[in-house]
Amino acid sequence: MTVRQRVGLPLLVLLAGVLSGCHSYRIHVVVENRTGAAIELLEVDYPSASFGLDKMAANADYGYGFQVRGSGPVKVQYTEAASQKIRQMTGPEIFERQEGQLEIVLLPDGKAEFHPQLTARP
């Protein structure tokens, strides 16, 4: 195989993907700590994976993007730094091929608000 063929074939495959409308469906999540105190061991579970932080200061925000495989609810768990109390909450169900934004606001007393702005694409 010549150098021209080795370089040309991957470029041709890439161009075909771009022209055929390949699209990566991504959800951007922002977790806002409005509990009034620092938290530890934050974990956000979503269908097929999870993400998190070891520590999150009071009034801090954390952004993360992912692609959904399958469907299921968003679940959040964290530990209150001062009391070591574990808090768990379940948010909206999300589905494969959705994209957009999801805001998760962690509130005092183990409460949370979920603000999804998601659209499904064909």
Protein backbone atom coordinates (compact mmCIF):
# COMPACT_ATOMS: atom_id res chain seq x y z
CA MET A 1 0.00 0.00 0.00
CA THR A 2 1.42 3.37 -0.96
CA VAL A 3 1.63 6.38 1.33
CA ARG A 4 -1.11 8.05 -0.71
CA GLN A 5 -3.43 5.06 -0.13
CA ARG A 6 -2.64 4.88 3.61
CA VAL A 7 -3.43 8.58 4.08
CA GLY A 8 -6.27 8.80 1.55
CA LEU A 9 -8.38 5.92 2.89
CA PRO A 10 -8.79 7.29 6.45
CA LEU A 11 -9.58 10.74 5.04
CA LEU A 12 -12.17 9.23 2.72
CA VAL A 13 -13.82 7.38 5.64
CA LEU A 14 -13.85 10.57 7.72
CA LEU A 15 -15.34 12.58 4.87
CA ALA A 16 -18.03 9.93 4.34
CA GLY A 17 -18.95 10.11 8.03
CA VAL A 18 -19.22 13.89 7.94
CA LEU A 19 -21.30 13.90 4.78
CA SER A 20 -23.63 11.15 6.02
CA GLY A 21 -24.62 13.28 9.02
CA CYS A 22 -22.96 11.36 11.85
CA HIS A 23 -23.93 13.01 15.09
CA SER A 24 -22.78 12.46 18.64
CA TYR A 25 -25.67 12.96 21.06
CA ARG A 26 -24.29 14.54 24.23
CA ILE A 27 -25.83 15.73 27.46
CA HIS A 28 -24.00 18.45 29.37
CA VAL A 29 -24.62 18.27 33.13
CA VAL A 30 -23.93 21.01 35.65
CA VAL A 31 -24.04 20.01 39.32
CA GLU A 32 -24.47 22.97 41.69
CA ASN A 33 -23.73 22.56 45.40
CA ARG A 34 -26.26 24.81 47.14
CA THR A 35 -26.41 22.72 50.33
CA GLY A 36 -24.68 25.43 52.33
CA ALA A 37 -21.69 23.22 53.14
CA ALA A 38 -18.96 21.18 51.52
CA ILE A 39 -19.80 17.67 50.31
CA GLU A 40 -17.68 14.60 49.63
CA LEU A 41 -17.84 11.56 47.38
CA LEU A 42 -20.29 13.02 44.87
CA GLU A 43 -21.46 10.40 42.37
CA VAL A 44 -23.88 10.93 39.49
CA ASP A 45 -25.09 7.70 37.89
CA TYR A 46 -26.74 7.63 34.47
CA PRO A 47 -27.54 4.74 32.12
CA SER A 48 -24.35 2.74 31.47
CA ALA A 49 -21.88 4.91 33.43
CA SER A 50 -21.22 7.47 36.19
CA PHE A 51 -19.02 10.41 37.10
CA GLY A 52 -18.17 12.23 40.31
CA LEU A 53 -15.84 14.17 42.56
CA ASP A 54 -14.00 13.44 45.79
CA LYS A 55 -14.86 16.87 47.25
CA MET A 56 -17.04 19.79 46.27
CA ALA A 57 -17.00 23.11 48.12
CA ALA A 58 -20.17 24.95 49.12
CA ASN A 59 -21.55 27.03 46.22
CA ALA A 60 -19.27 25.28 43.71
CA ASP A 61 -20.41 24.13 40.26
CA TYR A 62 -19.11 21.16 38.29
CA GLY A 63 -19.74 20.48 34.62
CA TYR A 64 -19.50 17.16 32.81
CA GLY A 65 -20.61 15.87 29.40
CA PHE A 66 -21.62 12.36 28.42
CA GLN A 67 -23.41 10.26 25.83
CA VAL A 68 -26.30 8.05 26.95
CA ARG A 69 -26.33 4.32 26.14
CA GLY A 70 -29.69 2.78 26.99
CA SER A 71 -32.21 4.46 29.25
CA GLY A 72 -32.82 4.93 32.94
CA PRO A 73 -32.95 7.46 35.75
CA VAL A 74 -30.23 9.85 36.82
CA LYS A 75 -29.21 9.12 40.42
CA VAL A 76 -27.15 11.34 42.70
CA GLN A 77 -25.37 10.39 45.90
CA TYR A 78 -23.02 12.36 48.14
CA THR A 79 -21.78 12.49 51.72
CA GLU A 80 -22.23 15.57 53.87
CA ALA A 81 -18.70 16.53 54.91
CA ALA A 82 -19.57 17.64 58.45
CA SER A 83 -21.96 14.87 59.53
CA GLN A 84 -20.81 12.07 57.17
CA LYS A 85 -24.48 11.47 56.36
CA ILE A 86 -25.06 9.89 52.95
CA ARG A 87 -27.70 11.56 50.78
CA GLN A 88 -29.32 9.90 47.76
CA MET A 89 -31.86 11.18 45.26
CA THR A 90 -33.29 10.10 41.93
CA GLY A 91 -33.87 12.45 39.04
CA PRO A 92 -35.44 12.22 35.61
CA GLU A 93 -35.20 9.28 33.28
CA ILE A 94 -32.98 9.87 30.27
CA PHE A 95 -32.84 8.00 27.00
CA GLU A 96 -30.40 7.15 24.27
CA ARG A 97 -30.24 9.76 21.49
CA GLN A 98 -31.18 12.62 23.79
CA GLU A 99 -29.05 15.73 23.89
CA GLY A 100 -29.04 19.05 25.67
CA GLN A 101 -28.45 20.15 29.24
CA LEU A 102 -29.30 18.88 32.69
CA GLU A 103 -28.88 21.11 35.74
CA ILE A 104 -28.71 19.35 39.11
CA VAL A 105 -29.05 21.68 42.09
CA LEU A 106 -28.15 20.08 45.43
CA LEU A 107 -30.13 21.72 48.24
CA PRO A 108 -30.04 21.54 52.07
CA ASP A 109 -31.55 18.56 53.89
CA GLY A 110 -30.75 16.05 51.15
CA LYS A 111 -33.03 17.60 48.55
CA ALA A 112 -32.26 18.29 44.92
CA GLU A 113 -33.82 19.95 41.90
CA PHE A 114 -33.33 18.55 38.41
CA HIS A 115 -33.79 20.90 35.46
CA PRO A 116 -33.58 18.94 32.19
CA GLN A 117 -33.53 20.73 28.85
CA LEU A 118 -33.25 17.68 26.63
CA THR A 119 -34.40 16.91 23.13
CA ALA A 120 -34.63 13.55 21.43
CA ARG A 121 -33.22 13.25 17.95
CA PRO A 122 -34.34 10.71 15.34
